[in-house]
Amino acid sequence: MQASTSHPETGREPVESPVITGAAYGMLFVLGAVLGVVGGFAHAWYVEDVPVAAIAWLAVLFAVPFAMGRLLGGKLGAVLPAAGWMLVSFFLADKQAAGDLVIAGNSAGYWYLYGGMAAFVAAIVIAPSRGPWLLRH
């Protein structure tokens, strides 16, 4: 006997559309890019000498990919927001033609960039996986 995976109220089988799945993953990349833009401009708030905004962003940068990995049931859901964030954040940390940069080389910038990468790695490692045995949680 085969176990039924139908919806209890409608009795229909769930349909997985590659278009909807691709759109969801694309939006996760965009979400990561938006986090990078907002965080890039809002990470440098200090209380005394403590970069509280940069440290608070670490919680967000861990929670978003972890939640998306859990929601979509795979590590790809956690990797895509991280990729979008890294693309934008490292662009904002690089000197532009006029010599400007958004994410400065100070304590807030270091906490935001390096702490953010560590938060993403931790979220990706503990996110569940549907892939090969090497990637399983």
N, C-alpha and C. Protein backbone atom coordinates (compact mmCIF):
# COMPACT_ATOMS: atom_id res chain seq x y z
N MET A 1 0.83 -1.18 0.00
CA MET A 1 0.00 0.00 0.00
C MET A 1 0.88 1.24 0.00
N GLN A 2 0.42 2.21 -0.71
CA GLN A 2 1.15 3.45 -0.80
C GLN A 2 0.49 4.50 0.08
N ALA A 3 1.31 5.24 0.82
CA ALA A 3 0.77 6.29 1.69
C ALA A 3 0.28 7.44 0.83
N SER A 4 -0.86 7.97 1.21
CA SER A 4 -1.45 9.09 0.48
C SER A 4 -0.85 10.41 0.97
N THR A 5 -0.52 11.27 0.03
CA THR A 5 0.01 12.59 0.37
C THR A 5 -0.97 13.67 -0.04
N SER A 6 -2.24 13.31 -0.18
CA SER A 6 -3.23 14.28 -0.62
C SER A 6 -3.59 15.23 0.52
N HIS A 7 -4.11 16.37 0.13
CA HIS A 7 -4.54 17.38 1.09
C HIS A 7 -5.75 16.85 1.83
N PRO A 8 -5.80 16.98 3.17
CA PRO A 8 -6.90 16.38 3.92
C PRO A 8 -8.27 16.97 3.60
N GLU A 9 -8.35 18.24 3.24
CA GLU A 9 -9.66 18.86 2.99
C GLU A 9 -10.12 18.70 1.55
N THR A 10 -9.21 18.87 0.60
CA THR A 10 -9.60 18.82 -0.81
C THR A 10 -9.42 17.44 -1.41
N GLY A 11 -8.53 16.63 -0.84
CA GLY A 11 -8.29 15.30 -1.37
C GLY A 11 -7.41 15.28 -2.61
N ARG A 12 -6.89 16.44 -3.02
CA ARG A 12 -6.06 16.51 -4.22
C ARG A 12 -4.59 16.36 -3.87
N GLU A 13 -3.82 15.85 -4.81
CA GLU A 13 -2.37 15.75 -4.67
C GLU A 13 -1.75 17.14 -4.82
N PRO A 14 -0.70 17.45 -4.04
CA PRO A 14 -0.03 18.74 -4.22
C PRO A 14 0.71 18.76 -5.57
N VAL A 15 0.71 19.92 -6.20
CA VAL A 15 1.36 20.08 -7.49
C VAL A 15 2.58 20.96 -7.30
N GLU A 16 3.74 20.47 -7.75
CA GLU A 16 4.96 21.26 -7.69
C GLU A 16 5.25 21.78 -9.09
N SER A 17 5.15 23.07 -9.26
CA SER A 17 5.39 23.68 -10.55
C SER A 17 6.83 24.20 -10.59
N PRO A 18 7.58 23.86 -11.64
CA PRO A 18 8.95 24.38 -11.71
C PRO A 18 9.00 25.90 -11.85
N VAL A 19 7.98 26.49 -12.43
CA VAL A 19 7.95 27.94 -12.57
C VAL A 19 7.79 28.61 -11.21
N ILE A 20 6.89 28.09 -10.41
CA ILE A 20 6.67 28.66 -9.08
C ILE A 20 7.89 28.42 -8.19
N THR A 21 8.47 27.24 -8.30
CA THR A 21 9.67 26.95 -7.51
C THR A 21 10.82 27.87 -7.92
N GLY A 22 11.02 28.05 -9.21
CA GLY A 22 12.07 28.95 -9.69
C GLY A 22 11.83 30.38 -9.26
N ALA A 23 10.58 30.83 -9.31
CA ALA A 23 10.25 32.19 -8.86
C ALA A 23 10.51 32.36 -7.37
N ALA A 24 10.20 31.33 -6.60
CA ALA A 24 10.45 31.41 -5.15
C ALA A 24 11.94 31.52 -4.87
N TYR A 25 12.74 30.71 -5.55
CA TYR A 25 14.18 30.79 -5.35
C TYR A 25 14.76 32.11 -5.85
N GLY A 26 14.24 32.62 -6.95
CA GLY A 26 14.67 33.92 -7.44
C GLY A 26 14.35 35.04 -6.45
N MET A 27 13.19 34.96 -5.83
CA MET A 27 12.82 35.98 -4.84
C MET A 27 13.69 35.88 -3.59
N LEU A 28 14.15 34.69 -3.26
CA LEU A 28 15.07 34.57 -2.12
C LEU A 28 16.39 35.27 -2.41
N PHE A 29 16.87 35.18 -3.65
CA PHE A 29 18.08 35.91 -4.02
C PHE A 29 17.84 37.41 -3.92
N VAL A 30 16.69 37.86 -4.40
CA VAL A 30 16.35 39.29 -4.33
C VAL A 30 16.21 39.72 -2.87
N LEU A 31 15.61 38.88 -2.03
CA LEU A 31 15.51 39.19 -0.60
C LEU A 31 16.89 39.39 0.01
N GLY A 32 17.83 38.53 -0.33
CA GLY A 32 19.20 38.69 0.16
C GLY A 32 19.82 39.99 -0.32
N ALA A 33 19.58 40.35 -1.57
CA ALA A 33 20.11 41.61 -2.11
C ALA A 33 19.50 42.81 -1.38
N VAL A 34 18.21 42.75 -1.10
CA VAL A 34 17.56 43.84 -0.35
C VAL A 34 18.14 43.94 1.06
N LEU A 35 18.36 42.80 1.70
CA LEU A 35 18.99 42.82 3.02
C LEU A 35 20.38 43.44 2.95
N GLY A 36 21.10 43.17 1.88
CA GLY A 36 22.43 43.76 1.71
C GLY A 36 22.39 45.26 1.55
N VAL A 37 21.43 45.77 0.78
CA VAL A 37 21.31 47.23 0.59
C VAL A 37 20.90 47.92 1.88
N VAL A 38 19.85 47.40 2.51
CA VAL A 38 19.37 48.02 3.76
C VAL A 38 20.43 47.91 4.85
N GLY A 39 21.01 46.74 5.01
CA GLY A 39 22.04 46.56 6.04
C GLY A 39 23.29 47.37 5.76
N GLY A 40 23.62 47.52 4.49
CA GLY A 40 24.79 48.30 4.13
C GLY A 40 24.69 49.75 4.57
N PHE A 41 23.49 50.29 4.50
CA PHE A 41 23.29 51.68 4.89
C PHE A 41 22.89 51.84 6.37
N ALA A 42 22.45 50.76 7.02
CA ALA A 42 21.92 50.89 8.39
C ALA A 42 22.74 50.13 9.43
N HIS A 43 23.92 49.68 9.11
CA HIS A 43 24.68 48.86 10.06
C HIS A 43 25.56 49.68 10.99
N ALA A 44 25.74 50.95 10.74
CA ALA A 44 26.75 51.73 11.46
C ALA A 44 26.18 52.60 12.57
N TRP A 45 25.17 52.12 13.28
CA TRP A 45 24.64 52.87 14.42
C TRP A 45 25.34 52.38 15.67
N TYR A 46 25.86 53.30 16.43
CA TYR A 46 26.62 52.98 17.64
C TYR A 46 25.87 53.44 18.88
N VAL A 47 26.09 52.73 19.98
CA VAL A 47 25.75 53.19 21.32
C VAL A 47 27.06 53.16 22.08
N GLU A 48 27.51 54.34 22.46
CA GLU A 48 28.86 54.49 23.00
C GLU A 48 29.83 54.06 21.91
N ASP A 49 30.66 53.04 22.16
CA ASP A 49 31.58 52.55 21.14
C ASP A 49 31.18 51.18 20.61
N VAL A 50 29.97 50.75 20.88
CA VAL A 50 29.50 49.42 20.49
C VAL A 50 28.63 49.55 19.23
N PRO A 51 28.98 48.84 18.17
CA PRO A 51 28.17 48.90 16.94
C PRO A 51 26.92 48.03 17.05
N VAL A 52 25.92 48.53 17.76
CA VAL A 52 24.73 47.73 18.07
C VAL A 52 23.94 47.34 16.83
N ALA A 53 23.86 48.21 15.85
CA ALA A 53 23.11 47.87 14.64
C ALA A 53 23.78 46.73 13.89
N ALA A 54 25.09 46.76 13.78
CA ALA A 54 25.80 45.69 13.08
C ALA A 54 25.62 44.35 13.79
N ILE A 55 25.64 44.39 15.11
CA ILE A 55 25.45 43.15 15.88
C ILE A 55 24.01 42.67 15.76
N ALA A 56 23.06 43.60 15.75
CA ALA A 56 21.65 43.21 15.57
C ALA A 56 21.42 42.62 14.18
N TRP A 57 22.13 43.14 13.18
CA TRP A 57 22.00 42.59 11.84
C TRP A 57 22.45 41.14 11.77
N LEU A 58 23.36 40.73 12.65
CA LEU A 58 23.81 39.34 12.64
C LEU A 58 22.66 38.39 12.93
N ALA A 59 21.77 38.79 13.84
CA ALA A 59 20.60 37.95 14.13
C ALA A 59 19.71 37.83 12.90
N VAL A 60 19.51 38.93 12.19
CA VAL A 60 18.69 38.91 10.98
C VAL A 60 19.36 38.05 9.90
N LEU A 61 20.67 38.22 9.75
CA LEU A 61 21.39 37.49 8.71
C LEU A 61 21.51 36.00 9.01
N PHE A 62 21.28 35.60 10.25
CA PHE A 62 21.19 34.18 10.57
C PHE A 62 19.75 33.69 10.39
N ALA A 63 18.79 34.46 10.89
CA ALA A 63 17.40 34.02 10.91
C ALA A 63 16.79 33.87 9.53
N VAL A 64 17.06 34.79 8.63
CA VAL A 64 16.44 34.73 7.30
C VAL A 64 16.85 33.48 6.53
N PRO A 65 18.13 33.20 6.33
CA PRO A 65 18.45 31.98 5.57
C PRO A 65 18.05 30.70 6.30
N PHE A 66 18.16 30.70 7.62
CA PHE A 66 17.76 29.49 8.35
C PHE A 66 16.27 29.24 8.16
N ALA A 67 15.45 30.28 8.29
CA ALA A 67 14.00 30.14 8.12
C ALA A 67 13.65 29.73 6.69
N MET A 68 14.33 30.31 5.71
CA MET A 68 14.04 29.96 4.32
C MET A 68 14.48 28.54 4.00
N GLY A 69 15.58 28.10 4.57
CA GLY A 69 16.00 26.72 4.39
C GLY A 69 15.01 25.75 4.99
N ARG A 70 14.50 26.09 6.17
CA ARG A 70 13.48 25.24 6.82
C ARG A 70 12.18 25.27 6.03
N LEU A 71 11.78 26.45 5.59
CA LEU A 71 10.52 26.61 4.87
C LEU A 71 10.52 25.84 3.56
N LEU A 72 11.61 25.92 2.81
CA LEU A 72 11.68 25.24 1.52
C LEU A 72 12.25 23.83 1.63
N GLY A 73 12.71 23.45 2.80
CA GLY A 73 13.17 22.08 3.03
C GLY A 73 14.49 21.74 2.38
N GLY A 74 15.36 22.72 2.18
CA GLY A 74 16.64 22.42 1.57
C GLY A 74 17.64 23.54 1.78
N LYS A 75 18.90 23.19 1.59
CA LYS A 75 19.97 24.17 1.78
C LYS A 75 19.96 25.26 0.72
N LEU A 76 19.41 24.99 -0.45
CA LEU A 76 19.36 26.01 -1.49
C LEU A 76 18.52 27.20 -1.04
N GLY A 77 17.49 26.95 -0.25
CA GLY A 77 16.69 28.05 0.30
C GLY A 77 17.48 28.92 1.26
N ALA A 78 18.53 28.39 1.85
CA ALA A 78 19.40 29.18 2.73
C ALA A 78 20.55 29.81 1.98
N VAL A 79 21.01 29.18 0.91
CA VAL A 79 22.17 29.68 0.17
C VAL A 79 21.82 30.91 -0.66
N LEU A 80 20.65 30.94 -1.25
CA LEU A 80 20.32 32.03 -2.16
C LEU A 80 20.22 33.40 -1.50
N PRO A 81 19.59 33.55 -0.32
CA PRO A 81 19.64 34.87 0.32
C PRO A 81 21.07 35.27 0.68
N ALA A 82 21.88 34.29 1.07
CA ALA A 82 23.28 34.59 1.40
C ALA A 82 24.03 35.07 0.16
N ALA A 83 23.77 34.46 -0.98
CA ALA A 83 24.44 34.87 -2.21
C ALA A 83 24.04 36.28 -2.61
N GLY A 84 22.76 36.61 -2.51
CA GLY A 84 22.31 37.96 -2.82
C GLY A 84 22.89 38.99 -1.89
N TRP A 85 22.95 38.66 -0.59
CA TRP A 85 23.52 39.58 0.39
C TRP A 85 25.01 39.81 0.13
N MET A 86 25.74 38.73 -0.14
CA MET A 86 27.18 38.86 -0.36
C MET A 86 27.48 39.67 -1.62
N LEU A 87 26.73 39.45 -2.67
CA LEU A 87 26.95 40.19 -3.90
C LEU A 87 26.82 41.70 -3.65
N VAL A 88 25.76 42.10 -3.00
CA VAL A 88 25.51 43.53 -2.75
C VAL A 88 26.47 44.07 -1.70
N SER A 89 26.67 43.35 -0.61
CA SER A 89 27.49 43.86 0.49
C SER A 89 28.94 44.06 0.08
N PHE A 90 29.48 43.14 -0.67
CA PHE A 90 30.87 43.30 -1.07
C PHE A 90 31.03 44.38 -2.13
N PHE A 91 30.00 44.62 -2.92
CA PHE A 91 30.02 45.76 -3.83
C PHE A 91 30.00 47.06 -3.05
N LEU A 92 29.18 47.12 -1.99
CA LEU A 92 29.10 48.34 -1.17
C LEU A 92 30.34 48.56 -0.33
N ALA A 93 31.11 47.51 -0.08
CA ALA A 93 32.33 47.64 0.72
C ALA A 93 33.54 47.99 -0.14
N ASP A 94 33.38 47.95 -1.45
CA ASP A 94 34.48 48.25 -2.37
C ASP A 94 34.47 49.74 -2.70
N LYS A 95 35.67 50.31 -2.86
CA LYS A 95 35.76 51.72 -3.23
C LYS A 95 35.20 51.92 -4.63
N GLN A 96 34.38 52.94 -4.77
CA GLN A 96 33.83 53.29 -6.07
C GLN A 96 34.78 54.25 -6.79
N ALA A 97 34.44 54.64 -7.98
CA ALA A 97 35.32 55.50 -8.80
C ALA A 97 35.61 56.82 -8.11
N ALA A 98 34.62 57.33 -7.37
CA ALA A 98 34.81 58.61 -6.68
C ALA A 98 35.52 58.45 -5.35
N GLY A 99 35.85 57.22 -4.98
CA GLY A 99 36.53 56.97 -3.72
C GLY A 99 35.59 56.71 -2.56
N ASP A 100 34.29 56.67 -2.83
CA ASP A 100 33.30 56.45 -1.77
C ASP A 100 33.11 54.96 -1.53
N LEU A 101 32.70 54.66 -0.31
CA LEU A 101 32.24 53.32 0.00
C LEU A 101 31.20 53.42 1.10
N VAL A 102 30.28 52.47 1.11
CA VAL A 102 29.17 52.51 2.05
C VAL A 102 29.54 51.77 3.33
N ILE A 103 30.13 50.61 3.20
CA ILE A 103 30.52 49.82 4.37
C ILE A 103 31.99 50.09 4.63
N ALA A 104 32.25 50.86 5.66
CA ALA A 104 33.61 51.32 5.96
C ALA A 104 34.41 50.23 6.67
N GLY A 105 35.71 50.41 6.68
CA GLY A 105 36.61 49.49 7.35
C GLY A 105 36.78 49.87 8.82
N ASN A 106 35.67 49.89 9.55
CA ASN A 106 35.70 50.16 10.99
C ASN A 106 35.06 48.98 11.71
N SER A 107 34.87 49.10 13.01
CA SER A 107 34.35 47.95 13.76
C SER A 107 32.95 47.55 13.30
N ALA A 108 32.09 48.52 13.00
CA ALA A 108 30.75 48.19 12.53
C ALA A 108 30.81 47.46 11.18
N GLY A 109 31.67 47.93 10.29
CA GLY A 109 31.80 47.28 9.00
C GLY A 109 32.33 45.87 9.11
N TYR A 110 33.31 45.67 9.98
CA TYR A 110 33.86 44.32 10.16
C TYR A 110 32.84 43.38 10.80
N TRP A 111 32.13 43.85 11.81
CA TRP A 111 31.10 43.03 12.43
C TRP A 111 30.04 42.65 11.40
N TYR A 112 29.64 43.63 10.60
CA TYR A 112 28.58 43.39 9.61
C TYR A 112 29.04 42.41 8.52
N LEU A 113 30.20 42.63 7.95
CA LEU A 113 30.66 41.77 6.85
C LEU A 113 31.09 40.39 7.32
N TYR A 114 32.05 40.36 8.25
CA TYR A 114 32.57 39.06 8.66
C TYR A 114 31.61 38.30 9.56
N GLY A 115 30.95 39.02 10.44
CA GLY A 115 29.92 38.37 11.26
C GLY A 115 28.75 37.89 10.43
N GLY A 116 28.40 38.67 9.41
CA GLY A 116 27.32 38.26 8.52
C GLY A 116 27.66 36.99 7.75
N MET A 117 28.90 36.90 7.28
CA MET A 117 29.31 35.67 6.59
C MET A 117 29.28 34.48 7.54
N ALA A 118 29.72 34.68 8.77
CA ALA A 118 29.69 33.58 9.75
C ALA A 118 28.24 33.19 10.07
N ALA A 119 27.35 34.17 10.18
CA ALA A 119 25.94 33.87 10.44
C ALA A 119 25.34 33.08 9.29
N PHE A 120 25.68 33.45 8.06
CA PHE A 120 25.17 32.71 6.91
C PHE A 120 25.70 31.29 6.88
N VAL A 121 26.97 31.12 7.15
CA VAL A 121 27.55 29.77 7.14
C VAL A 121 26.87 28.90 8.20
N ALA A 122 26.67 29.46 9.39
CA ALA A 122 26.00 28.69 10.46
C ALA A 122 24.57 28.33 10.05
N ALA A 123 23.85 29.26 9.44
CA ALA A 123 22.47 28.99 9.02
C ALA A 123 22.43 27.93 7.92
N ILE A 124 23.36 28.01 6.99
CA ILE A 124 23.38 27.04 5.89
C ILE A 124 23.75 25.65 6.40
N VAL A 125 24.68 25.57 7.33
CA VAL A 125 25.11 24.27 7.86
C VAL A 125 23.98 23.57 8.60
N ILE A 126 23.21 24.31 9.38
CA ILE A 126 22.17 23.64 10.17
C ILE A 126 20.81 23.58 9.46
N ALA A 127 20.70 24.17 8.27
CA ALA A 127 19.46 24.05 7.51
C ALA A 127 19.30 22.61 7.04
N PRO A 128 18.06 22.13 6.95
CA PRO A 128 17.85 20.76 6.49
C PRO A 128 18.22 20.61 5.01
N SER A 129 18.45 19.37 4.61
CA SER A 129 18.85 19.12 3.23
C SER A 129 18.08 17.94 2.66
N ARG A 130 17.73 18.05 1.38
CA ARG A 130 17.11 16.95 0.67
C ARG A 130 18.10 16.32 -0.29
N GLY A 131 19.34 16.78 -0.26
CA GLY A 131 20.33 16.37 -1.25
C GLY A 131 21.04 15.08 -0.88
N PRO A 132 22.25 14.91 -1.43
CA PRO A 132 23.04 13.71 -1.16
C PRO A 132 23.40 13.57 0.32
N TRP A 133 23.88 12.42 0.68
CA TRP A 133 24.16 12.12 2.08
C TRP A 133 25.14 13.12 2.70
N LEU A 134 26.06 13.67 1.91
CA LEU A 134 27.05 14.60 2.42
C LEU A 134 26.41 15.89 2.89
N LEU A 135 25.31 16.27 2.28
CA LEU A 135 24.65 17.54 2.62
C LEU A 135 23.49 17.36 3.59
N ARG A 136 23.17 16.16 3.96
CA ARG A 136 22.03 15.94 4.86
C ARG A 136 22.35 16.43 6.26
N HIS A 137 21.35 16.92 6.91
CA HIS A 137 21.47 17.41 8.29
C HIS A 137 21.41 16.26 9.25
